Every structure is written in structure tokens, then in C-alpha cells.
Amino acid sequence: LCARRTDKLDALKAELEQAHPGITVLVKPLDVNHYD
């Protein structure tokens, strides 16, 4: 999962890992207008 707002990504990661402990959830900051 990627997006500009890392605080919301981190909260979503914690929520998903708690609800579904068998999966892997990776998060990274990304502004899609920074093409590289």
C-alpha cells in the first residue's frame, strides 16, 4: 500500500494486521507525481 499520507497508511497497516494476522502488509510513502 502506498500514498502520500504515511500516518493514515500506518494506521491502516496496524488495523489490517490485527484483523488478519496471517497476511503481510507493506506500506511506503509515495507521491505519484514524483515519477522516479
PDB file of all heavy atoms in Angstrom:
ATOM      1  N   LEU A   1       0.835  -1.199   0.000  1.00  0.00           N
ATOM      2  CA  LEU A   1       0.000   0.000   0.000  1.00  0.00           C
ATOM      3  C   LEU A   1       0.866   1.243   0.000  1.00  0.00           C
ATOM      4  O   LEU A   1       1.820   1.350   0.781  1.00  0.00           O
ATOM      5  CB  LEU A   1      -0.910   0.007   1.238  1.00  0.00           C
ATOM      6  CG  LEU A   1      -1.741  -1.261   1.463  1.00  0.00           C
ATOM      7  CD1 LEU A   1      -2.531  -1.150   2.762  1.00  0.00           C
ATOM      8  CD2 LEU A   1      -2.677  -1.523   0.282  1.00  0.00           C
ATOM      9  N   CYS A   2       0.519   2.191  -0.866  1.00  0.00           N
ATOM     10  CA  CYS A   2       1.307   3.428  -0.918  1.00  0.00           C
ATOM     11  C   CYS A   2       0.389   4.625  -1.109  1.00  0.00           C
ATOM     12  O   CYS A   2      -0.671   4.535  -1.724  1.00  0.00           O
ATOM     13  CB  CYS A   2       2.373   3.360  -2.013  1.00  0.00           C
ATOM     14  SG  CYS A   2       1.805   2.718  -3.600  1.00  0.00           S
ATOM     15  N   ALA A   3       0.835   5.748  -0.554  1.00  0.00           N
ATOM     16  CA  ALA A   3       0.105   7.009  -0.644  1.00  0.00           C
ATOM     17  C   ALA A   3       0.989   8.089  -0.039  1.00  0.00           C
ATOM     18  O   ALA A   3       2.066   7.803   0.496  1.00  0.00           O
ATOM     19  CB  ALA A   3      -1.226   6.928   0.097  1.00  0.00           C
ATOM     20  N   ARG A   4       0.541   9.335  -0.117  1.00  0.00           N
ATOM     21  CA  ARG A   4       1.334  10.427   0.453  1.00  0.00           C
ATOM     22  C   ARG A   4       1.248  10.473   1.973  1.00  0.00           C
ATOM     23  O   ARG A   4       2.214  10.801   2.645  1.00  0.00           O
ATOM     24  CB  ARG A   4       0.857  11.775  -0.116  1.00  0.00           C
ATOM     25  CG  ARG A   4       1.209  11.984  -1.584  1.00  0.00           C
ATOM     26  CD  ARG A   4       0.646  13.305  -2.087  1.00  0.00           C
ATOM     27  NE  ARG A   4      -0.818  13.342  -1.967  1.00  0.00           N
ATOM     28  CZ  ARG A   4      -1.556  14.430  -2.106  1.00  0.00           C
ATOM     29  NH1 ARG A   4      -0.969  15.597  -2.345  1.00  0.00           N
ATOM     30  NH2 ARG A   4      -2.877  14.368  -2.007  1.00  0.00           N
ATOM     31  N   ARG A   5       0.089  10.141   2.527  1.00  0.00           N
ATOM     32  CA  ARG A   5      -0.135  10.331   3.963  1.00  0.00           C
ATOM     33  C   ARG A   5       0.266   9.075   4.739  1.00  0.00           C
ATOM     34  O   ARG A   5      -0.505   8.135   4.874  1.00  0.00           O
ATOM     35  CB  ARG A   5      -1.601  10.699   4.209  1.00  0.00           C
ATOM     36  CG  ARG A   5      -1.950  12.062   3.647  1.00  0.00           C
ATOM     37  CD  ARG A   5      -3.423  12.378   3.774  1.00  0.00           C
ATOM     38  NE  ARG A   5      -4.244  11.516   2.937  1.00  0.00           N
ATOM     39  CZ  ARG A   5      -5.557  11.654   2.802  1.00  0.00           C
ATOM     40  NH1 ARG A   5      -6.186  12.615   3.452  1.00  0.00           N
ATOM     41  NH2 ARG A   5      -6.240  10.837   2.015  1.00  0.00           N
ATOM     42  N   THR A   6       1.475   9.096   5.249  1.00  0.00           N
ATOM     43  CA  THR A   6       2.018   7.904   5.906  1.00  0.00           C
ATOM     44  C   THR A   6       1.326   7.613   7.230  1.00  0.00           C
ATOM     45  O   THR A   6       1.258   6.453   7.642  1.00  0.00           O
ATOM     46  CB  THR A   6       3.533   8.054   6.132  1.00  0.00           C
ATOM     47  OG1 THR A   6       3.783   9.291   6.822  1.00  0.00           O
ATOM     48  CG2 THR A   6       4.277   8.078   4.817  1.00  0.00           C
ATOM     49  N   ASP A   7       0.813   8.645   7.909  1.00  0.00           N
ATOM     50  CA  ASP A   7       0.133   8.394   9.184  1.00  0.00           C
ATOM     51  C   ASP A   7      -1.102   7.522   8.957  1.00  0.00           C
ATOM     52  O   ASP A   7      -1.368   6.578   9.710  1.00  0.00           O
ATOM     53  CB  ASP A   7      -0.240   9.706   9.878  1.00  0.00           C
ATOM     54  CG  ASP A   7      -1.076  10.628   8.996  1.00  0.00           C
ATOM     55  OD1 ASP A   7      -0.977  10.532   7.757  1.00  0.00           O
ATOM     56  OD2 ASP A   7      -1.831  11.456   9.550  1.00  0.00           O
ATOM     57  N   LYS A   8      -1.851   7.818   7.906  1.00  0.00           N
ATOM     58  CA  LYS A   8      -3.042   7.020   7.600  1.00  0.00           C
ATOM     59  C   LYS A   8      -2.654   5.624   7.114  1.00  0.00           C
ATOM     60  O   LYS A   8      -3.333   4.636   7.417  1.00  0.00           O
ATOM     61  CB  LYS A   8      -3.901   7.734   6.560  1.00  0.00           C
ATOM     62  CG  LYS A   8      -4.533   9.013   7.078  1.00  0.00           C
ATOM     63  CD  LYS A   8      -5.738   9.410   6.254  1.00  0.00           C
ATOM     64  CE  LYS A   8      -6.512  10.527   6.941  1.00  0.00           C
ATOM     65  NZ  LYS A   8      -7.840  10.745   6.353  1.00  0.00           N
ATOM     66  N   LEU A   9      -1.569   5.537   6.338  1.00  0.00           N
ATOM     67  CA  LEU A   9      -1.097   4.221   5.885  1.00  0.00           C
ATOM     68  C   LEU A   9      -0.691   3.355   7.068  1.00  0.00           C
ATOM     69  O   LEU A   9      -1.034   2.168   7.132  1.00  0.00           O
ATOM     70  CB  LEU A   9       0.098   4.382   4.946  1.00  0.00           C
ATOM     71  CG  LEU A   9      -0.162   4.696   3.475  1.00  0.00           C
ATOM     72  CD1 LEU A   9       1.167   4.821   2.743  1.00  0.00           C
ATOM     73  CD2 LEU A   9      -1.037   3.637   2.815  1.00  0.00           C
ATOM     74  N   ASP A  10       0.040   3.940   8.013  1.00  0.00           N
ATOM     75  CA  ASP A  10       0.488   3.188   9.187  1.00  0.00           C
ATOM     76  C   ASP A  10      -0.698   2.704  10.012  1.00  0.00           C
ATOM     77  O   ASP A  10      -0.706   1.576  10.517  1.00  0.00           O
ATOM     78  CB  ASP A  10       1.415   4.048  10.049  1.00  0.00           C
ATOM     79  CG  ASP A  10       2.759   4.313   9.383  1.00  0.00           C
ATOM     80  OD1 ASP A  10       3.145   3.523   8.500  1.00  0.00           O
ATOM     81  OD2 ASP A  10       3.418   5.310   9.746  1.00  0.00           O
ATOM     82  N   ALA A  11      -1.722   3.566  10.149  1.00  0.00           N
ATOM     83  CA  ALA A  11      -2.920   3.174  10.900  1.00  0.00           C
ATOM     84  C   ALA A  11      -3.656   2.041  10.194  1.00  0.00           C
ATOM     85  O   ALA A  11      -4.135   1.092  10.838  1.00  0.00           O
ATOM     86  CB  ALA A  11      -3.835   4.382  11.082  1.00  0.00           C
ATOM     87  N   LEU A  12      -3.731   2.115   8.864  1.00  0.00           N
ATOM     88  CA  LEU A  12      -4.394   1.068   8.093  1.00  0.00           C
ATOM     89  C   LEU A  12      -3.631  -0.252   8.197  1.00  0.00           C
ATOM     90  O   LEU A  12      -4.231  -1.319   8.363  1.00  0.00           O
ATOM     91  CB  LEU A  12      -4.525   1.497   6.627  1.00  0.00           C
ATOM     92  CG  LEU A  12      -5.212   0.520   5.677  1.00  0.00           C
ATOM     93  CD1 LEU A  12      -6.642   0.206   6.130  1.00  0.00           C
ATOM     94  CD2 LEU A  12      -5.216   1.070   4.251  1.00  0.00           C
ATOM     95  N   LYS A  13      -2.308  -0.179   8.117  1.00  0.00           N
ATOM     96  CA  LYS A  13      -1.467  -1.381   8.254  1.00  0.00           C
ATOM     97  C   LYS A  13      -1.724  -2.063   9.604  1.00  0.00           C
ATOM     98  O   LYS A  13      -1.930  -3.281   9.668  1.00  0.00           O
ATOM     99  CB  LYS A  13       0.008  -0.993   8.122  1.00  0.00           C
ATOM    100  CG  LYS A  13       1.001  -2.122   8.430  1.00  0.00           C
ATOM    101  CD  LYS A  13       2.434  -1.601   8.318  1.00  0.00           C
ATOM    102  CE  LYS A  13       3.454  -2.574   8.898  1.00  0.00           C
ATOM    103  NZ  LYS A  13       3.621  -3.784   8.074  1.00  0.00           N
ATOM    104  N   ALA A  14      -1.736  -1.266  10.683  1.00  0.00           N
ATOM    105  CA  ALA A  14      -1.962  -1.824  12.020  1.00  0.00           C
ATOM    106  C   ALA A  14      -3.348  -2.462  12.116  1.00  0.00           C
ATOM    107  O   ALA A  14      -3.508  -3.552  12.682  1.00  0.00           O
ATOM    108  CB  ALA A  14      -1.808  -0.721  13.072  1.00  0.00           C
ATOM    109  N   GLU A  15      -4.336  -1.791  11.551  1.00  0.00           N
ATOM    110  CA  GLU A  15      -5.712  -2.314  11.561  1.00  0.00           C
ATOM    111  C   GLU A  15      -5.800  -3.654  10.827  1.00  0.00           C
ATOM    112  O   GLU A  15      -6.389  -4.619  11.330  1.00  0.00           O
ATOM    113  CB  GLU A  15      -6.641  -1.297  10.894  1.00  0.00           C
ATOM    114  CG  GLU A  15      -8.059  -1.784  10.680  1.00  0.00           C
ATOM    115  CD  GLU A  15      -8.828  -0.959   9.656  1.00  0.00           C
ATOM    116  OE1 GLU A  15      -8.580   0.262   9.550  1.00  0.00           O
ATOM    117  OE2 GLU A  15      -9.683  -1.531   8.948  1.00  0.00           O
ATOM    118  N   LEU A  16      -5.196  -3.721   9.643  1.00  0.00           N
ATOM    119  CA  LEU A  16      -5.296  -4.927   8.823  1.00  0.00           C
ATOM    120  C   LEU A  16      -4.517  -6.089   9.431  1.00  0.00           C
ATOM    121  O   LEU A  16      -4.973  -7.238   9.403  1.00  0.00           O
ATOM    122  CB  LEU A  16      -4.806  -4.640   7.404  1.00  0.00           C
ATOM    123  CG  LEU A  16      -5.621  -3.614   6.609  1.00  0.00           C
ATOM    124  CD1 LEU A  16      -5.017  -3.403   5.230  1.00  0.00           C
ATOM    125  CD2 LEU A  16      -7.080  -4.033   6.507  1.00  0.00           C
ATOM    126  N   GLU A  17      -3.343  -5.804   9.986  1.00  0.00           N
ATOM    127  CA  GLU A  17      -2.539  -6.881  10.581  1.00  0.00           C
ATOM    128  C   GLU A  17      -3.203  -7.438  11.842  1.00  0.00           C
ATOM    129  O   GLU A  17      -3.092  -8.632  12.127  1.00  0.00           O
ATOM    130  CB  GLU A  17      -1.139  -6.362  10.891  1.00  0.00           C
ATOM    131  CG  GLU A  17      -0.300  -6.152   9.643  1.00  0.00           C
ATOM    132  CD  GLU A  17       1.078  -5.599   9.939  1.00  0.00           C
ATOM    133  OE1 GLU A  17       1.258  -4.943  11.001  1.00  0.00           O
ATOM    134  OE2 GLU A  17       1.981  -5.808   9.109  1.00  0.00           O
ATOM    135  N   GLN A  18      -3.891  -6.579  12.586  1.00  0.00           N
ATOM    136  CA  GLN A  18      -4.595  -7.056  13.779  1.00  0.00           C
ATOM    137  C   GLN A  18      -5.794  -7.920  13.394  1.00  0.00           C
ATOM    138  O   GLN A  18      -6.050  -8.964  13.995  1.00  0.00           O
ATOM    139  CB  GLN A  18      -5.058  -5.876  14.630  1.00  0.00           C
ATOM    140  CG  GLN A  18      -5.747  -6.303  15.929  1.00  0.00           C
ATOM    141  CD  GLN A  18      -6.078  -5.124  16.824  1.00  0.00           C
ATOM    142  OE1 GLN A  18      -5.950  -3.974  16.435  1.00  0.00           O
ATOM    143  NE2 GLN A  18      -6.520  -5.410  18.041  1.00  0.00           N
ATOM    144  N   ALA A  19      -6.512  -7.481  12.359  1.00  0.00           N
ATOM    145  CA  ALA A  19      -7.707  -8.220  11.933  1.00  0.00           C
ATOM    146  C   ALA A  19      -7.368  -9.498  11.173  1.00  0.00           C
ATOM    147  O   ALA A  19      -8.121 -10.477  11.227  1.00  0.00           O
ATOM    148  CB  ALA A  19      -8.585  -7.318  11.071  1.00  0.00           C
ATOM    149  N   HIS A  20      -6.229  -9.491  10.467  1.00  0.00           N
ATOM    150  CA  HIS A  20      -5.858 -10.621   9.611  1.00  0.00           C
ATOM    151  C   HIS A  20      -4.374 -10.947   9.816  1.00  0.00           C
ATOM    152  O   HIS A  20      -3.531 -10.644   8.960  1.00  0.00           O
ATOM    153  CB  HIS A  20      -6.133 -10.277   8.147  1.00  0.00           C
ATOM    154  CG  HIS A  20      -7.499  -9.714   7.910  1.00  0.00           C
ATOM    155  ND1 HIS A  20      -8.646 -10.481   7.907  1.00  0.00           N
ATOM    156  CD2 HIS A  20      -7.906  -8.433   7.685  1.00  0.00           C
ATOM    157  CE1 HIS A  20      -9.698  -9.714   7.691  1.00  0.00           C
ATOM    158  NE2 HIS A  20      -9.279  -8.475   7.553  1.00  0.00           N
ATOM    159  N   PRO A  21      -4.025 -11.568  10.937  1.00  0.00           N
ATOM    160  CA  PRO A  21      -2.614 -11.777  11.283  1.00  0.00           C
ATOM    161  C   PRO A  21      -1.845 -12.673  10.321  1.00  0.00           C
ATOM    162  O   PRO A  21      -0.615 -12.681  10.337  1.00  0.00           O
ATOM    163  CB  PRO A  21      -2.679 -12.400  12.683  1.00  0.00           C
ATOM    164  CG  PRO A  21      -4.068 -12.939  12.819  1.00  0.00           C
ATOM    165  CD  PRO A  21      -4.935 -12.063  11.990  1.00  0.00           C
ATOM    166  N   GLY A  22      -2.529 -13.371   9.440  1.00  0.00           N
ATOM    167  CA  GLY A  22      -1.839 -14.275   8.524  1.00  0.00           C
ATOM    168  C   GLY A  22      -1.306 -13.624   7.262  1.00  0.00           C
ATOM    169  O   GLY A  22      -0.606 -14.272   6.477  1.00  0.00           O
ATOM    170  N   ILE A  23      -1.612 -12.349   7.064  1.00  0.00           N
ATOM    171  CA  ILE A  23      -1.185 -11.700   5.822  1.00  0.00           C
ATOM    172  C   ILE A  23      -0.004 -10.756   6.056  1.00  0.00           C
ATOM    173  O   ILE A  23       0.279 -10.354   7.177  1.00  0.00           O
ATOM    174  CB  ILE A  23      -2.346 -10.915   5.156  1.00  0.00           C
ATOM    175  CG1 ILE A  23      -2.748  -9.718   6.018  1.00  0.00           C
ATOM    176  CG2 ILE A  23      -3.530 -11.828   4.896  1.00  0.00           C
ATOM    177  CD1 ILE A  23      -3.713  -8.762   5.319  1.00  0.00           C
ATOM    178  N   THR A  24       0.669 -10.399   4.962  1.00  0.00           N
ATOM    179  CA  THR A  24       1.740  -9.399   5.001  1.00  0.00           C
ATOM    180  C   THR A  24       1.192  -8.084   4.463  1.00  0.00           C
ATOM    181  O   THR A  24       0.563  -8.055   3.400  1.00  0.00           O
ATOM    182  CB  THR A  24       2.930  -9.844   4.130  1.00  0.00           C
ATOM    183  OG1 THR A  24       3.450 -11.072   4.647  1.00  0.00           O
ATOM    184  CG2 THR A  24       4.034  -8.791   4.124  1.00  0.00           C
ATOM    185  N   VAL A  25       1.427  -7.003   5.201  1.00  0.00           N
ATOM    186  CA  VAL A  25       1.021  -5.671   4.749  1.00  0.00           C
ATOM    187  C   VAL A  25       2.250  -4.767   4.760  1.00  0.00           C
ATOM    188  O   VAL A  25       2.830  -4.500   5.815  1.00  0.00           O
ATOM    189  CB  VAL A  25      -0.081  -5.064   5.640  1.00  0.00           C
ATOM    190  CG1 VAL A  25      -0.496  -3.690   5.100  1.00  0.00           C
ATOM    191  CG2 VAL A  25      -1.284  -5.989   5.729  1.00  0.00           C
ATOM    192  N   LEU A  26       2.662  -4.325   3.580  1.00  0.00           N
ATOM    193  CA  LEU A  26       3.779  -3.400   3.451  1.00  0.00           C
ATOM    194  C   LEU A  26       3.248  -2.029   3.079  1.00  0.00           C
ATOM    195  O   LEU A  26       2.307  -1.913   2.290  1.00  0.00           O
ATOM    196  CB  LEU A  26       4.754  -3.870   2.367  1.00  0.00           C
ATOM    197  CG  LEU A  26       5.341  -5.276   2.516  1.00  0.00           C
ATOM    198  CD1 LEU A  26       6.248  -5.584   1.318  1.00  0.00           C
ATOM    199  CD2 LEU A  26       6.116  -5.417   3.815  1.00  0.00           C
ATOM    200  N   VAL A  27       3.833  -0.983   3.649  1.00  0.00           N
ATOM    201  CA  VAL A  27       3.416   0.385   3.304  1.00  0.00           C
ATOM    202  C   VAL A  27       4.647   1.225   2.986  1.00  0.00           C
ATOM    203  O   VAL A  27       5.712   1.046   3.576  1.00  0.00           O
ATOM    204  CB  VAL A  27       2.596   1.045   4.430  1.00  0.00           C
ATOM    205  CG1 VAL A  27       1.300   0.303   4.681  1.00  0.00           C
ATOM    206  CG2 VAL A  27       3.400   1.159   5.713  1.00  0.00           C
ATOM    207  N   LYS A  28       4.469   2.134   2.028  1.00  0.00           N
ATOM    208  CA  LYS A  28       5.544   3.068   1.662  1.00  0.00           C
ATOM    209  C   LYS A  28       4.929   4.408   1.256  1.00  0.00           C
ATOM    210  O   LYS A  28       3.868   4.437   0.625  1.00  0.00           O
ATOM    211  CB  LYS A  28       6.371   2.528   0.495  1.00  0.00           C
ATOM    212  CG  LYS A  28       7.169   1.273   0.813  1.00  0.00           C
ATOM    213  CD  LYS A  28       8.071   0.878  -0.340  1.00  0.00           C
ATOM    214  CE  LYS A  28       8.697  -0.478  -0.073  1.00  0.00           C
ATOM    215  NZ  LYS A  28       9.565  -0.471   1.135  1.00  0.00           N
ATOM    216  N   PRO A  29       5.605   5.498   1.607  1.00  0.00           N
ATOM    217  CA  PRO A  29       5.122   6.799   1.136  1.00  0.00           C
ATOM    218  C   PRO A  29       5.348   6.944  -0.363  1.00  0.00           C
ATOM    219  O   PRO A  29       6.376   6.520  -0.887  1.00  0.00           O
ATOM    220  CB  PRO A  29       5.963   7.806   1.924  1.00  0.00           C
ATOM    221  CG  PRO A  29       7.223   7.067   2.275  1.00  0.00           C
ATOM    222  CD  PRO A  29       6.825   5.631   2.430  1.00  0.00           C
ATOM    223  N   LEU A  30       4.354   7.525  -1.052  1.00  0.00           N
ATOM    224  CA  LEU A  30       4.500   7.751  -2.487  1.00  0.00           C
ATOM    225  C   LEU A  30       3.631   8.918  -2.926  1.00  0.00           C
ATOM    226  O   LEU A  30       2.414   8.903  -2.719  1.00  0.00           O
ATOM    227  CB  LEU A  30       4.100   6.496  -3.279  1.00  0.00           C
ATOM    228  CG  LEU A  30       4.096   6.659  -4.809  1.00  0.00           C
ATOM    229  CD1 LEU A  30       5.486   6.986  -5.335  1.00  0.00           C
ATOM    230  CD2 LEU A  30       3.526   5.423  -5.499  1.00  0.00           C
ATOM    231  N   ASP A  31       4.266   9.904  -3.536  1.00  0.00           N
ATOM    232  CA  ASP A  31       3.551  10.944  -4.280  1.00  0.00           C
ATOM    233  C   ASP A  31       3.692  10.563  -5.742  1.00  0.00           C
ATOM    234  O   ASP A  31       4.791  10.613  -6.300  1.00  0.00           O
ATOM    235  CB  ASP A  31       4.178  12.321  -4.008  1.00  0.00           C
ATOM    236  CG  ASP A  31       3.454  13.448  -4.720  1.00  0.00           C
ATOM    237  OD1 ASP A  31       2.734  13.178  -5.707  1.00  0.00           O
ATOM    238  OD2 ASP A  31       3.621  14.616  -4.321  1.00  0.00           O
ATOM    239  N   VAL A  32       2.590  10.166  -6.363  1.00  0.00           N
ATOM    240  CA  VAL A  32       2.668   9.627  -7.721  1.00  0.00           C
ATOM    241  C   VAL A  32       3.144  10.662  -8.741  1.00  0.00           C
ATOM    242  O   VAL A  32       3.532  10.299  -9.855  1.00  0.00           O
ATOM    243  CB  VAL A  32       1.316   9.031  -8.178  1.00  0.00           C
ATOM    244  CG1 VAL A  32       0.985   7.780  -7.364  1.00  0.00           C
ATOM    245  CG2 VAL A  32       0.193  10.053  -8.112  1.00  0.00           C
ATOM    246  N   ASN A  33       3.131  11.942  -8.363  1.00  0.00           N
ATOM    247  CA  ASN A  33       3.654  12.964  -9.266  1.00  0.00           C
ATOM    248  C   ASN A  33       5.177  13.045  -9.237  1.00  0.00           C
ATOM    249  O   ASN A  33       5.764  13.783 -10.031  1.00  0.00           O
ATOM    250  CB  ASN A  33       3.036  14.329  -8.939  1.00  0.00           C
ATOM    251  CG  ASN A  33       1.587  14.410  -9.397  1.00  0.00           C
ATOM    252  OD1 ASN A  33       1.286  14.169 -10.567  1.00  0.00           O
ATOM    253  ND2 ASN A  33       0.689  14.718  -8.480  1.00  0.00           N
ATOM    254  N   HIS A  34       5.806  12.318  -8.339  1.00  0.00           N
ATOM    255  CA  HIS A  34       7.265  12.166  -8.354  1.00  0.00           C
ATOM    256  C   HIS A  34       7.540  10.860  -9.113  1.00  0.00           C
ATOM    257  O   HIS A  34       7.596   9.781  -8.532  1.00  0.00           O
ATOM    258  CB  HIS A  34       7.816  12.112  -6.929  1.00  0.00           C
ATOM    259  CG  HIS A  34       7.626  13.396  -6.176  1.00  0.00           C
ATOM    260  ND1 HIS A  34       7.739  13.492  -4.815  1.00  0.00           N
ATOM    261  CD2 HIS A  34       7.324  14.648  -6.607  1.00  0.00           C
ATOM    262  CE1 HIS A  34       7.514  14.734  -4.417  1.00  0.00           C
ATOM    263  NE2 HIS A  34       7.258  15.446  -5.505  1.00  0.00           N
ATOM    264  N   TYR A  35       7.689  10.989 -10.418  1.00  0.00           N
ATOM    265  CA  TYR A  35       7.643   9.814 -11.288  1.00  0.00           C
ATOM    266  C   TYR A  35       8.752   8.803 -11.005  1.00  0.00           C
ATOM    267  O   TYR A  35       8.507   7.595 -11.023  1.00  0.00           O
ATOM    268  CB  TYR A  35       7.666  10.257 -12.754  1.00  0.00           C
ATOM    269  CG  TYR A  35       6.623  11.311 -13.063  1.00  0.00           C
ATOM    270  CD1 TYR A  35       6.962  12.481 -13.762  1.00  0.00           C
ATOM    271  CD2 TYR A  35       5.300  11.166 -12.648  1.00  0.00           C
ATOM    272  CE1 TYR A  35       6.017  13.446 -14.028  1.00  0.00           C
ATOM    273  CE2 TYR A  35       4.348  12.132 -12.905  1.00  0.00           C
ATOM    274  CZ  TYR A  35       4.712  13.271 -13.599  1.00  0.00           C
ATOM    275  OH  TYR A  35       3.774  14.236 -13.857  1.00  0.00           O
ATOM    276  N   ASP A  36       9.968   9.273 -10.726  1.00  0.00           N
ATOM    277  CA  ASP A  36      11.046   8.336 -10.412  1.00  0.00           C
ATOM    278  C   ASP A  36      10.721   7.532  -9.160  1.00  0.00           C
ATOM    279  O   ASP A  36      11.072   6.348  -9.062  1.00  0.00           O
ATOM    280  CB  ASP A  36      12.368   9.090 -10.206  1.00  0.00           C
ATOM    281  CG  ASP A  36      12.916   9.658 -11.501  1.00  0.00           C
ATOM    282  OD1 ASP A  36      12.449   9.227 -12.588  1.00  0.00           O
ATOM    283  OD2 ASP A  36      13.802  10.530 -11.455  1.00  0.00           O
TER     284      ASP A  36
END
